[in-house]
C-alpha atoms as a PDB file:
ATOM      1  CA  MET A   1      16.313   9.626  -3.052  1.00  0.00           C
ATOM      2  CA  ASP A   2      18.230   7.066  -5.120  1.00  0.00           C
ATOM      3  CA  PHE A   3      16.578   3.705  -5.753  1.00  0.00           C
ATOM      4  CA  LYS A   4      17.692   0.684  -7.732  1.00  0.00           C
ATOM      5  CA  SER A   5      14.961  -1.497  -9.188  1.00  0.00           C
ATOM      6  CA  LYS A   6      15.442  -4.793 -10.980  1.00  0.00           C
ATOM      7  CA  LEU A   7      12.728  -3.714 -13.414  1.00  0.00           C
ATOM      8  CA  PHE A   8      13.589  -0.013 -13.848  1.00  0.00           C
ATOM      9  CA  GLY A   9      17.289   0.165 -12.966  1.00  0.00           C
ATOM     10  CA  GLU A  10      18.690   3.245 -11.215  1.00  0.00           C
ATOM     11  CA  GLN A  11      15.992   5.794 -10.423  1.00  0.00           C
ATOM     12  CA  GLN A  12      15.970   9.161  -8.716  1.00  0.00           C
ATOM     13  CA  ILE A  13      12.759   9.198  -6.643  1.00  0.00           C
ATOM     14  CA  ASP A  14      11.182  12.481  -5.628  1.00  0.00           C
ATOM     15  CA  PRO A  15      10.031  11.980  -1.998  1.00  0.00           C
ATOM     16  CA  ASP A  16       6.867  13.955  -2.828  1.00  0.00           C
ATOM     17  CA  THR A  17       5.754  11.155  -5.197  1.00  0.00           C
ATOM     18  CA  ILE A  18       6.037   8.274  -2.725  1.00  0.00           C
ATOM     19  CA  ILE A  19       2.739   6.538  -1.922  1.00  0.00           C
ATOM     20  CA  THR A  20       2.494   5.170   1.621  1.00  0.00           C
ATOM     21  CA  PHE A  21       0.355   2.167   2.486  1.00  0.00           C
ATOM     22  CA  PRO A  22       0.141   2.462   6.315  1.00  0.00           C
ATOM     23  CA  GLN A  23      -1.023  -1.155   6.662  1.00  0.00           C
ATOM     24  CA  GLY A  24       0.953  -2.418   3.677  1.00  0.00           C
ATOM     25  CA  ILE A  25      -0.793  -4.518   1.054  1.00  0.00           C
ATOM     26  CA  PRO A  26      -2.205  -7.890   2.205  1.00  0.00           C
ATOM     27  CA  GLY A  27       0.609 -10.406   1.981  1.00  0.00           C
ATOM     28  CA  PHE A  28       3.133  -7.542   1.954  1.00  0.00           C
ATOM     29  CA  GLU A  29       2.287  -5.827   5.251  1.00  0.00           C
ATOM     30  CA  GLU A  30       5.893  -4.826   6.004  1.00  0.00           C
ATOM     31  CA  GLN A  31       6.368  -3.067   2.640  1.00  0.00           C
ATOM     32  CA  LYS A  32       4.743   0.338   3.032  1.00  0.00           C
ATOM     33  CA  HIS A  33       6.383   2.713   0.506  1.00  0.00           C
ATOM     34  CA  TYR A  34       5.687   2.579  -3.226  1.00  0.00           C
ATOM     35  CA  LYS A  35       6.254   4.563  -6.390  1.00  0.00           C
ATOM     36  CA  LEU A  36       3.906   4.446  -9.361  1.00  0.00           C
ATOM     37  CA  PHE A  37       5.701   4.087 -12.714  1.00  0.00           C
ATOM     38  CA  HIS A  38       4.106   4.172 -16.162  1.00  0.00           C
ATOM     39  CA  GLN A  39       5.019   1.531 -18.729  1.00  0.00           C
ATOM     40  CA  GLU A  40       6.285   3.504 -21.728  1.00  0.00           C
ATOM     41  CA  ASP A  41       4.995   1.150 -24.409  1.00  0.00           C
ATOM     42  CA  SER A  42       1.514   0.834 -22.887  1.00  0.00           C
ATOM     43  CA  SER A  43      -1.212   3.356 -22.212  1.00  0.00           C
ATOM     44  CA  ILE A  44      -2.880   0.884 -19.855  1.00  0.00           C
ATOM     45  CA  VAL A  45      -0.299  -0.707 -17.568  1.00  0.00           C
ATOM     46  CA  TYR A  46       1.407   1.019 -14.648  1.00  0.00           C
ATOM     47  CA  TRP A  47       3.849  -0.460 -12.142  1.00  0.00           C
ATOM     48  CA  LEU A  48       3.506  -0.052  -8.388  1.00  0.00           C
ATOM     49  CA  GLN A  49       7.137  -0.536  -7.308  1.00  0.00           C
ATOM     50  CA  CYS A  50       7.853  -1.146  -3.632  1.00  0.00           C
ATOM     51  CA  LEU A  51      10.648   1.086  -2.372  1.00  0.00           C
ATOM     52  CA  ASP A  52      11.220  -1.061   0.731  1.00  0.00           C
ATOM     53  CA  ASP A  53      11.941  -4.207  -1.305  1.00  0.00           C
ATOM     54  CA  GLU A  54      13.036  -3.985  -4.939  1.00  0.00           C
ATOM     55  CA  ASP A  55      11.678  -7.502  -5.595  1.00  0.00           C
ATOM     56  CA  VAL A  56       8.096  -6.391  -4.886  1.00  0.00           C
ATOM     57  CA  VAL A  57       6.362  -4.780  -7.850  1.00  0.00           C
ATOM     58  CA  PHE A  58       2.734  -4.968  -8.969  1.00  0.00           C
ATOM     59  CA  SER A  59       1.288  -4.421 -12.441  1.00  0.00           C
ATOM     60  CA  VAL A  60      -1.732  -2.136 -12.060  1.00  0.00           C
ATOM     61  CA  ALA A  61      -4.284  -0.476 -14.340  1.00  0.00           C
ATOM     62  CA  HIS A  62      -7.306   1.788 -14.205  1.00  0.00           C
ATOM     63  CA  PRO A  63     -10.481  -0.333 -13.991  1.00  0.00           C
ATOM     64  CA  ALA A  64     -12.101   1.810 -16.702  1.00  0.00           C
ATOM     65  CA  HIS A  65      -9.764   0.212 -19.262  1.00  0.00           C
ATOM     66  CA  PHE A  66     -11.669  -3.014 -18.603  1.00  0.00           C
ATOM     67  CA  ASN A  67     -15.101  -1.324 -18.428  1.00  0.00           C
ATOM     68  CA  ILE A  68     -15.259  -1.836 -14.663  1.00  0.00           C
ATOM     69  CA  ASN A  69     -16.987   0.795 -12.547  1.00  0.00           C
ATOM     70  CA  TYR A  70     -17.024   0.604  -8.767  1.00  0.00           C
ATOM     71  CA  SER A  71     -19.704   1.628  -6.344  1.00  0.00           C
ATOM     72  CA  PHE A  72     -18.656   1.080  -2.734  1.00  0.00           C
ATOM     73  CA  VAL A  73     -18.461   2.935   0.537  1.00  0.00           C
ATOM     74  CA  LEU A  74     -15.285   3.352   2.510  1.00  0.00           C
ATOM     75  CA  THR A  75     -15.582   2.631   6.214  1.00  0.00           C
ATOM     76  CA  ASP A  76     -14.866   5.436   8.679  1.00  0.00           C
ATOM     77  CA  GLU A  77     -11.585   3.672   9.505  1.00  0.00           C
ATOM     78  CA  GLU A  78     -10.595   3.514   5.813  1.00  0.00           C
ATOM     79  CA  GLN A  79     -11.459   7.195   5.283  1.00  0.00           C
ATOM     80  CA  GLU A  80      -9.428   8.139   8.359  1.00  0.00           C
ATOM     81  CA  LEU A  81      -6.494   5.962   7.270  1.00  0.00           C
ATOM     82  CA  LEU A  82      -6.547   7.547   3.789  1.00  0.00           C
ATOM     83  CA  LYS A  83      -7.023  11.042   5.293  1.00  0.00           C
ATOM     84  CA  LEU A  84      -9.676  11.466   2.637  1.00  0.00           C
ATOM     85  CA  THR A  85     -11.666  14.696   2.532  1.00  0.00           C
ATOM     86  CA  HIS A  86     -12.523  14.995  -1.196  1.00  0.00           C
ATOM     87  CA  VAL A  87     -13.815  12.114  -3.311  1.00  0.00           C
ATOM     88  CA  GLU A  88     -12.135  13.592  -6.403  1.00  0.00           C
ATOM     89  CA  ASP A  89      -8.749  12.802  -4.798  1.00  0.00           C
ATOM     90  CA  VAL A  90      -9.435   9.063  -5.072  1.00  0.00           C
ATOM     91  CA  LEU A  91      -7.605   6.904  -7.587  1.00  0.00           C
ATOM     92  CA  VAL A  92      -8.777   3.304  -7.988  1.00  0.00           C
ATOM     93  CA  LEU A  93      -6.435   0.745  -9.546  1.00  0.00           C
ATOM     94  CA  LEU A  94      -6.619  -2.983 -10.237  1.00  0.00           C
ATOM     95  CA  ILE A  95      -3.724  -5.293  -9.534  1.00  0.00           C
ATOM     96  CA  LEU A  96      -3.158  -7.323 -12.692  1.00  0.00           C
ATOM     97  CA  LEU A  97      -2.345 -11.025 -12.597  1.00  0.00           C
ATOM     98  CA  LYS A  98      -0.748 -13.025 -15.384  1.00  0.00           C
ATOM     99  CA  ASN A  99      -2.265 -16.455 -15.927  1.00  0.00           C
ATOM    100  CA  ASP A 100       0.342 -18.441 -17.819  1.00  0.00           C
ATOM    101  CA  ASN A 101      -0.707 -21.986 -17.042  1.00  0.00           C
ATOM    102  CA  ASN A 102       0.411 -24.666 -19.470  1.00  0.00           C
ATOM    103  CA  GLU A 103      -3.120 -25.371 -20.707  1.00  0.00           C
ATOM    104  CA  ALA A 104      -3.592 -21.906 -22.177  1.00  0.00           C
ATOM    105  CA  ILE A 105      -2.468 -21.263 -25.738  1.00  0.00           C
ATOM    106  CA  LYS A 106      -1.190 -17.866 -24.692  1.00  0.00           C
ATOM    107  CA  PRO A 107      -0.994 -16.133 -21.308  1.00  0.00           C
ATOM    108  CA  THR A 108      -3.935 -14.041 -20.187  1.00  0.00           C
ATOM    109  CA  ILE A 109      -4.057 -11.028 -17.921  1.00  0.00           C
ATOM    110  CA  LYS A 110      -6.696 -10.834 -15.223  1.00  0.00           C
ATOM    111  CA  GLY A 111      -7.527  -8.127 -12.713  1.00  0.00           C
ATOM    112  CA  SER A 112      -8.078  -8.583  -9.017  1.00  0.00           C
ATOM    113  CA  ILE A 113     -11.494  -6.915  -9.203  1.00  0.00           C
ATOM    114  CA  LYS A 114     -12.641  -7.741  -5.659  1.00  0.00           C
ATOM    115  CA  CYS A 115      -9.547  -6.127  -4.109  1.00  0.00           C
ATOM    116  CA  PRO A 116      -8.909  -2.745  -5.751  1.00  0.00           C
ATOM    117  CA  ILE A 117      -6.121  -0.429  -4.665  1.00  0.00           C
ATOM    118  CA  ILE A 118      -7.492   2.893  -3.353  1.00  0.00           C
ATOM    119  CA  ILE A 119      -5.123   5.877  -3.326  1.00  0.00           C
ATOM    120  CA  ASN A 120      -5.701   9.357  -1.979  1.00  0.00           C
ATOM    121  CA  CYS A 121      -3.658  11.250  -4.603  1.00  0.00           C
ATOM    122  CA  ALA A 122      -3.604  14.480  -2.589  1.00  0.00           C
ATOM    123  CA  GLN A 123      -2.068  12.815   0.472  1.00  0.00           C
ATOM    124  CA  ARG A 124      -0.334   9.925  -1.383  1.00  0.00           C
ATOM    125  CA  ILE A 125      -1.794   7.326   0.971  1.00  0.00           C
ATOM    126  CA  GLY A 126      -3.125   3.969  -0.191  1.00  0.00           C
ATOM    127  CA  ILE A 127      -4.972   0.875   0.943  1.00  0.00           C
ATOM    128  CA  GLN A 128      -6.198  -2.288  -0.672  1.00  0.00           C
ATOM    129  CA  LYS A 129      -9.966  -2.500  -0.229  1.00  0.00           C
ATOM    130  CA  MET A 130     -11.456  -5.967   0.186  1.00  0.00           C
ATOM    131  CA  LEU A 131     -14.932  -6.201  -1.335  1.00  0.00           C
ATOM    132  CA  LEU A 132     -16.403  -9.266   0.336  1.00  0.00           C
ATOM    133  CA  ASP A 133     -20.071  -9.215  -0.643  1.00  0.00           C
ATOM    134  CA  VAL A 134     -20.330  -7.874  -4.177  1.00  0.00           C
ATOM    135  CA  GLU A 135     -23.104  -7.729  -6.682  1.00  0.00           C
ATOM    136  CA  GLN A 136     -22.190  -7.405 -10.318  1.00  0.00           C
ATOM    137  CA  SER A 137     -24.227  -5.422 -12.771  1.00  0.00           C
ATOM    138  CA  ILE A 138     -23.697  -5.096 -16.467  1.00  0.00           C
ATOM    139  CA  THR A 139     -24.099  -1.863 -18.357  1.00  0.00           C
ATOM    140  CA  LEU A 140     -24.156  -2.033 -22.115  1.00  0.00           C
ATOM    141  CA  THR A 141     -23.064   1.123 -23.896  1.00  0.00           C
ATOM    142  CA  GLU A 142     -23.266   1.465 -27.625  1.00  0.00           C
ATOM    143  CA  LYS A 143     -19.852   2.537 -28.879  1.00  0.00           C
ATOM    144  CA  ASN A 144     -21.087   4.867 -31.581  1.00  0.00           C
ATOM    145  CA  SER A 145     -24.288   6.408 -30.289  1.00  0.00           C
ATOM    146  CA  ALA A 146     -23.740   9.807 -31.882  1.00  0.00           C
ATOM    147  CA  ILE A 147     -26.283  10.899 -34.459  1.00  0.00           C
ATOM    148  CA  GLU A 148     -24.855  12.545 -37.527  1.00  0.00           C
ATOM    149  CA  VAL A 149     -26.887  15.397 -38.955  1.00  0.00           C
ATOM    150  CA  VAL A 150     -26.364  16.091 -42.633  1.00  0.00           C
ATOM    151  CA  GLU A 151     -27.843  19.161 -44.249  1.00  0.00           C
ATOM    152  CA  ALA A 152     -29.744  18.476 -47.482  1.00  0.00           C
END
């Protein structure tokens, strides 16, 4: 399938890589088909490009890059919608937001942590999960906790 993106130009899209959001993404309910692109100069940022509307594209990233770990349960409806049978098929992504208000010295990037994108990679089906009542916990991990053993 041929697709022209304002951000990526002409692209040949393999239909087997299209991610379908059956309910769309809140605020973009009519746009249901997306392609995940990787930003070449970044190991963190990906782009979720809408194939139904070339103007709709989201910057996304793995929450682990920001030391965010999720613990939540999908409802029966969400599991059915995702056609999820194996938890290892789940990919969780954060939608990134650029805060470039005039008061800031330089723009900052924030993640929409209460509304992660959940994708069943095996079926290529996605939803945006709304986490309404969350409790945050902090885990501190020492970066270099390895013990070096030196023979005398």
